[in-house]
């Protein structure tokens, strides 16, 4: 019964669209218009680096972080990021402990607190390829594993191996060879 109702609804919608779009009034054809940017818009989310603000921004500060201009994020949120990083990761337990980038907790969270995606204009664009780190982001980059490695992996990615990998090494579908490149949904 449910399938029949859905089919009837779909047919009714299709017929109304066809009836609405068919007319003989050639004089009322208007040119396509660009997007309408009038009105009031509000920033809802920032995610230059996936999962970073999800993990490091305390729940009561999510809206403030998401509406803060990136150039002001470091000054406003770096201390919170550092406190949360040090609480989460034993790889930063001692002063002077660094990650594989050679960054201690303060320097690393200073980098993370500014939620922008850095892009190398003259080199490899990747989140991490074994050599280049945070120089952009290629579609196939394993962003979450890289973030886990930098957070929990210590100086050589060997600390806390159980926390340093999401164990998702590939998509369940291949990327397309042309735009939009993402695999079709299931």
C-alpha atoms as a PDB file:
ATOM      1  CA  UNK A   1       0.000   0.000   0.000  1.00  0.00           C
ATOM      2  CA  UNK A   2       2.858   2.386   0.888  1.00  0.00           C
ATOM      3  CA  UNK A   3       4.568   1.827  -2.490  1.00  0.00           C
ATOM      4  CA  UNK A   4       1.333   2.639  -4.330  1.00  0.00           C
ATOM      5  CA  UNK A   5       0.918   5.883  -2.362  1.00  0.00           C
ATOM      6  CA  UNK A   6       4.501   6.884  -3.176  1.00  0.00           C
ATOM      7  CA  UNK A   7       3.977   6.108  -6.860  1.00  0.00           C
ATOM      8  CA  UNK A   8       0.743   8.104  -6.960  1.00  0.00           C
ATOM      9  CA  UNK A   9       2.419  11.026  -5.223  1.00  0.00           C
ATOM     10  CA  UNK A  10       5.364  10.920  -7.660  1.00  0.00           C
ATOM     11  CA  UNK A  11       3.016  10.811 -10.671  1.00  0.00           C
ATOM     12  CA  UNK A  12       0.981  13.732  -9.300  1.00  0.00           C
ATOM     13  CA  UNK A  13       4.139  15.787  -8.741  1.00  0.00           C
ATOM     14  CA  UNK A  14       5.437  15.024 -12.238  1.00  0.00           C
ATOM     15  CA  UNK A  15       2.127  15.955 -13.829  1.00  0.00           C
ATOM     16  CA  UNK A  16       1.951  19.238 -11.906  1.00  0.00           C
ATOM     17  CA  UNK A  17       5.491  20.141 -12.982  1.00  0.00           C
ATOM     18  CA  UNK A  18       4.706  19.356 -16.617  1.00  0.00           C
ATOM     19  CA  UNK A  19       1.458  21.345 -16.496  1.00  0.00           C
ATOM     20  CA  UNK A  20       3.160  24.276 -14.800  1.00  0.00           C
ATOM     21  CA  UNK A  21       6.038  24.398 -17.287  1.00  0.00           C
ATOM     22  CA  UNK A  22       3.946  24.047 -20.460  1.00  0.00           C
ATOM     23  CA  UNK A  23       2.358  27.212 -21.778  1.00  0.00           C
ATOM     24  CA  UNK A  24       2.084  29.127 -25.028  1.00  0.00           C
ATOM     25  CA  UNK A  25       3.037  32.508 -23.615  1.00  0.00           C
ATOM     26  CA  UNK A  26       6.352  33.137 -25.373  1.00  0.00           C
ATOM     27  CA  UNK A  27       6.304  36.785 -24.320  1.00  0.00           C
ATOM     28  CA  UNK A  28       6.844  36.021 -20.646  1.00  0.00           C
ATOM     29  CA  UNK A  29      10.127  34.166 -21.036  1.00  0.00           C
ATOM     30  CA  UNK A  30      12.649  35.699 -18.671  1.00  0.00           C
ATOM     31  CA  UNK A  31      16.377  35.390 -18.654  1.00  0.00           C
ATOM     32  CA  UNK A  32      17.913  33.193 -15.965  1.00  0.00           C
ATOM     33  CA  UNK A  33      18.986  35.181 -12.942  1.00  0.00           C
ATOM     34  CA  UNK A  34      22.071  34.696 -10.832  1.00  0.00           C
ATOM     35  CA  UNK A  35      21.932  33.743  -7.169  1.00  0.00           C
ATOM     36  CA  UNK A  36      20.099  36.104  -4.832  1.00  0.00           C
ATOM     37  CA  UNK A  37      22.473  37.272  -2.124  1.00  0.00           C
ATOM     38  CA  UNK A  38      20.039  39.705  -0.539  1.00  0.00           C
ATOM     39  CA  UNK A  39      18.949  39.013   2.991  1.00  0.00           C
ATOM     40  CA  UNK A  40      20.767  37.989   6.120  1.00  0.00           C
ATOM     41  CA  UNK A  41      23.053  34.999   6.170  1.00  0.00           C
ATOM     42  CA  UNK A  42      24.749  33.370   9.132  1.00  0.00           C
ATOM     43  CA  UNK A  43      27.848  31.186   9.210  1.00  0.00           C
ATOM     44  CA  UNK A  44      26.778  27.770  10.521  1.00  0.00           C
ATOM     45  CA  UNK A  45      29.904  25.638  10.395  1.00  0.00           C
ATOM     46  CA  UNK A  46      33.575  25.667   9.558  1.00  0.00           C
ATOM     47  CA  UNK A  47      35.482  22.557   8.675  1.00  0.00           C
ATOM     48  CA  UNK A  48      38.688  23.316   6.805  1.00  0.00           C
ATOM     49  CA  UNK A  49      40.186  20.293   8.491  1.00  0.00           C
ATOM     50  CA  UNK A  50      37.557  17.618   9.140  1.00  0.00           C
ATOM     51  CA  UNK A  51      37.064  16.499  12.747  1.00  0.00           C
ATOM     52  CA  UNK A  52      39.395  19.138  14.204  1.00  0.00           C
ATOM     53  CA  UNK A  53      36.727  21.475  15.514  1.00  0.00           C
ATOM     54  CA  UNK A  54      34.581  18.471  16.418  1.00  0.00           C
ATOM     55  CA  UNK A  55      37.307  17.159  18.726  1.00  0.00           C
ATOM     56  CA  UNK A  56      39.002  20.279  20.077  1.00  0.00           C
ATOM     57  CA  UNK A  57      36.208  22.835  20.456  1.00  0.00           C
ATOM     58  CA  UNK A  58      34.312  22.371  23.708  1.00  0.00           C
ATOM     59  CA  UNK A  59      30.591  21.822  23.176  1.00  0.00           C
ATOM     60  CA  UNK A  60      29.536  25.179  24.612  1.00  0.00           C
ATOM     61  CA  UNK A  61      31.868  27.030  22.251  1.00  0.00           C
ATOM     62  CA  UNK A  62      30.911  25.394  18.912  1.00  0.00           C
ATOM     63  CA  UNK A  63      28.781  28.322  17.703  1.00  0.00           C
ATOM     64  CA  UNK A  64      31.409  30.874  18.710  1.00  0.00           C
ATOM     65  CA  UNK A  65      34.146  28.937  16.901  1.00  0.00           C
ATOM     66  CA  UNK A  66      32.068  28.443  13.768  1.00  0.00           C
ATOM     67  CA  UNK A  67      31.283  32.149  13.512  1.00  0.00           C
ATOM     68  CA  UNK A  68      34.768  33.443  14.319  1.00  0.00           C
ATOM     69  CA  UNK A  69      36.773  34.694  11.356  1.00  0.00           C
ATOM     70  CA  UNK A  70      39.737  32.317  10.849  1.00  0.00           C
ATOM     71  CA  UNK A  71      42.276  35.113  11.369  1.00  0.00           C
ATOM     72  CA  UNK A  72      40.907  35.521  14.929  1.00  0.00           C
ATOM     73  CA  UNK A  73      40.537  31.819  15.780  1.00  0.00           C
ATOM     74  CA  UNK A  74      44.064  31.206  17.024  1.00  0.00           C
ATOM     75  CA  UNK A  75      43.939  34.022  19.584  1.00  0.00           C
ATOM     76  CA  UNK A  76      40.467  33.009  20.733  1.00  0.00           C
ATOM     77  CA  UNK A  77      40.700  29.212  20.796  1.00  0.00           C
ATOM     78  CA  UNK A  78      44.309  27.980  20.842  1.00  0.00           C
ATOM     79  CA  UNK A  79      44.404  27.609  24.645  1.00  0.00           C
ATOM     80  CA  UNK A  80      41.196  25.529  24.570  1.00  0.00           C
ATOM     81  CA  UNK A  81      42.635  23.364  21.786  1.00  0.00           C
ATOM     82  CA  UNK A  82      45.848  22.845  23.757  1.00  0.00           C
ATOM     83  CA  UNK A  83      44.017  21.940  26.973  1.00  0.00           C
ATOM     84  CA  UNK A  84      41.840  19.436  25.101  1.00  0.00           C
ATOM     85  CA  UNK A  85      44.830  17.982  23.208  1.00  0.00           C
ATOM     86  CA  UNK A  86      46.840  17.471  26.373  1.00  0.00           C
ATOM     87  CA  UNK A  87      43.823  15.873  28.079  1.00  0.00           C
ATOM     88  CA  UNK A  88      43.265  13.510  25.140  1.00  0.00           C
ATOM     89  CA  UNK A  89      46.738  12.498  24.088  1.00  0.00           C
ATOM     90  CA  UNK A  90      49.452  10.875  26.166  1.00  0.00           C
ATOM     91  CA  UNK A  91      51.861  11.757  23.327  1.00  0.00           C
ATOM     92  CA  UNK A  92      51.949  15.313  24.753  1.00  0.00           C
ATOM     93  CA  UNK A  93      52.172  14.307  28.443  1.00  0.00           C
ATOM     94  CA  UNK A  94      55.530  15.961  29.064  1.00  0.00           C
ATOM     95  CA  UNK A  95      56.597  19.513  28.267  1.00  0.00           C
ATOM     96  CA  UNK A  96      58.631  19.459  25.088  1.00  0.00           C
ATOM     97  CA  UNK A  97      56.935  16.350  23.660  1.00  0.00           C
ATOM     98  CA  UNK A  98      56.411  16.797  19.926  1.00  0.00           C
ATOM     99  CA  UNK A  99      54.545  15.126  17.105  1.00  0.00           C
ATOM    100  CA  UNK A 100      55.956  13.913  13.795  1.00  0.00           C
ATOM    101  CA  UNK A 101      55.932  17.489  12.492  1.00  0.00           C
ATOM    102  CA  UNK A 102      58.248  18.462  15.350  1.00  0.00           C
ATOM    103  CA  UNK A 103      55.498  20.582  16.910  1.00  0.00           C
ATOM    104  CA  UNK A 104      54.856  20.652  20.636  1.00  0.00           C
ATOM    105  CA  UNK A 105      51.304  20.944  21.974  1.00  0.00           C
ATOM    106  CA  UNK A 106      51.261  24.752  21.825  1.00  0.00           C
ATOM    107  CA  UNK A 107      52.602  25.035  18.283  1.00  0.00           C
ATOM    108  CA  UNK A 108      50.456  22.180  16.987  1.00  0.00           C
ATOM    109  CA  UNK A 109      47.233  23.536  18.470  1.00  0.00           C
ATOM    110  CA  UNK A 110      48.147  26.989  17.183  1.00  0.00           C
ATOM    111  CA  UNK A 111      48.197  25.474  13.706  1.00  0.00           C
ATOM    112  CA  UNK A 112      44.941  23.584  14.261  1.00  0.00           C
ATOM    113  CA  UNK A 113      43.028  26.439  15.914  1.00  0.00           C
ATOM    114  CA  UNK A 114      43.027  28.411  12.670  1.00  0.00           C
ATOM    115  CA  UNK A 115      40.535  26.302  10.723  1.00  0.00           C
ATOM    116  CA  UNK A 116      41.727  26.824   7.179  1.00  0.00           C
ATOM    117  CA  UNK A 117      43.003  24.380   4.637  1.00  0.00           C
ATOM    118  CA  UNK A 118      46.531  25.345   3.653  1.00  0.00           C
ATOM    119  CA  UNK A 119      47.405  24.867   0.003  1.00  0.00           C
ATOM    120  CA  UNK A 120      50.857  24.618  -1.498  1.00  0.00           C
ATOM    121  CA  UNK A 121      50.953  26.633  -4.704  1.00  0.00           C
ATOM    122  CA  UNK A 122      54.294  25.276  -5.830  1.00  0.00           C
ATOM    123  CA  UNK A 123      54.424  21.728  -4.503  1.00  0.00           C
ATOM    124  CA  UNK A 124      52.424  18.641  -3.780  1.00  0.00           C
ATOM    125  CA  UNK A 125      48.851  19.142  -2.619  1.00  0.00           C
ATOM    126  CA  UNK A 126      48.215  16.580   0.095  1.00  0.00           C
ATOM    127  CA  UNK A 127      47.167  16.191   3.693  1.00  0.00           C
ATOM    128  CA  UNK A 128      50.035  13.733   4.138  1.00  0.00           C
ATOM    129  CA  UNK A 129      51.873  11.572   1.631  1.00  0.00           C
ATOM    130  CA  UNK A 130      54.774  10.350   3.760  1.00  0.00           C
ATOM    131  CA  UNK A 131      56.810  13.498   3.103  1.00  0.00           C
ATOM    132  CA  UNK A 132      54.522  16.474   2.609  1.00  0.00           C
ATOM    133  CA  UNK A 133      52.155  17.331   5.451  1.00  0.00           C
ATOM    134  CA  UNK A 134      49.207  19.743   5.493  1.00  0.00           C
ATOM    135  CA  UNK A 135      50.010  21.257   2.091  1.00  0.00           C
ATOM    136  CA  UNK A 136      46.428  20.911   0.930  1.00  0.00           C
ATOM    137  CA  UNK A 137      44.117  18.001   0.534  1.00  0.00           C
ATOM    138  CA  UNK A 138      43.757  15.518  -2.285  1.00  0.00           C
ATOM    139  CA  UNK A 139      40.428  13.738  -2.608  1.00  0.00           C
ATOM    140  CA  UNK A 140      41.852  10.337  -1.681  1.00  0.00           C
ATOM    141  CA  UNK A 141      43.847  11.547   1.337  1.00  0.00           C
ATOM    142  CA  UNK A 142      43.104   9.634   4.532  1.00  0.00           C
ATOM    143  CA  UNK A 143      42.504  12.805   6.535  1.00  0.00           C
ATOM    144  CA  UNK A 144      41.197  11.242   9.738  1.00  0.00           C
ATOM    145  CA  UNK A 145      44.102   8.790  10.046  1.00  0.00           C
ATOM    146  CA  UNK A 146      46.589  11.629   9.470  1.00  0.00           C
ATOM    147  CA  UNK A 147      44.917  13.691  12.172  1.00  0.00           C
ATOM    148  CA  UNK A 148      44.934  10.732  14.556  1.00  0.00           C
ATOM    149  CA  UNK A 149      48.637  10.149  13.850  1.00  0.00           C
ATOM    150  CA  UNK A 150      49.490  13.782  14.535  1.00  0.00           C
ATOM    151  CA  UNK A 151      47.414  13.828  17.715  1.00  0.00           C
ATOM    152  CA  UNK A 152      48.303  10.434  19.200  1.00  0.00           C
ATOM    153  CA  UNK A 153      51.308   9.130  17.253  1.00  0.00           C
ATOM    154  CA  UNK A 154      54.103  11.045  18.930  1.00  0.00           C
ATOM    155  CA  UNK A 155      57.356  11.956  17.218  1.00  0.00           C
ATOM    156  CA  UNK A 156      57.506   8.997  14.862  1.00  0.00           C
ATOM    157  CA  UNK A 157      53.862   7.852  14.673  1.00  0.00           C
ATOM    158  CA  UNK A 158      54.671   4.833  16.885  1.00  0.00           C
ATOM    159  CA  UNK A 159      53.120   5.975  20.176  1.00  0.00           C
ATOM    160  CA  UNK A 160      49.580   4.801  20.914  1.00  0.00           C
ATOM    161  CA  UNK A 161      49.094   2.671  17.789  1.00  0.00           C
ATOM    162  CA  UNK A 162      45.562   1.736  18.815  1.00  0.00           C
ATOM    163  CA  UNK A 163      44.570   5.404  18.696  1.00  0.00           C
ATOM    164  CA  UNK A 164      46.540   6.392  15.608  1.00  0.00           C
ATOM    165  CA  UNK A 165      44.487   4.828  12.842  1.00  0.00           C
ATOM    166  CA  UNK A 166      40.789   4.762  11.981  1.00  0.00           C
ATOM    167  CA  UNK A 167      41.426   1.575   9.937  1.00  0.00           C
ATOM    168  CA  UNK A 168      39.398   2.880   6.996  1.00  0.00           C
ATOM    169  CA  UNK A 169      41.921   2.768   4.189  1.00  0.00           C
ATOM    170  CA  UNK A 170      39.751   3.385   1.128  1.00  0.00           C
ATOM    171  CA  UNK A 171      36.293   4.342  -0.015  1.00  0.00           C
ATOM    172  CA  UNK A 172      33.749   1.638  -0.630  1.00  0.00           C
ATOM    173  CA  UNK A 173      33.427   2.924  -4.220  1.00  0.00           C
ATOM    174  CA  UNK A 174      36.066   4.199  -6.626  1.00  0.00           C
ATOM    175  CA  UNK A 175      36.253   7.918  -7.377  1.00  0.00           C
ATOM    176  CA  UNK A 176      35.022   9.055 -10.768  1.00  0.00           C
ATOM    177  CA  UNK A 177      37.576  10.068 -13.399  1.00  0.00           C
ATOM    178  CA  UNK A 178      35.763  13.330 -14.197  1.00  0.00           C
ATOM    179  CA  UNK A 179      34.024  16.077 -12.250  1.00  0.00           C
ATOM    180  CA  UNK A 180      32.545  15.867  -9.624  1.00  0.00           C
ATOM    181  CA  UNK A 181      35.003  12.992  -8.953  1.00  0.00           C
ATOM    182  CA  UNK A 182      33.111  11.727  -5.899  1.00  0.00           C
ATOM    183  CA  UNK A 183      31.562   8.279  -6.228  1.00  0.00           C
ATOM    184  CA  UNK A 184      27.828   8.148  -6.719  1.00  0.00           C
ATOM    185  CA  UNK A 185      25.837   7.555  -3.529  1.00  0.00           C
ATOM    186  CA  UNK A 186      24.772   4.078  -2.629  1.00  0.00           C
END
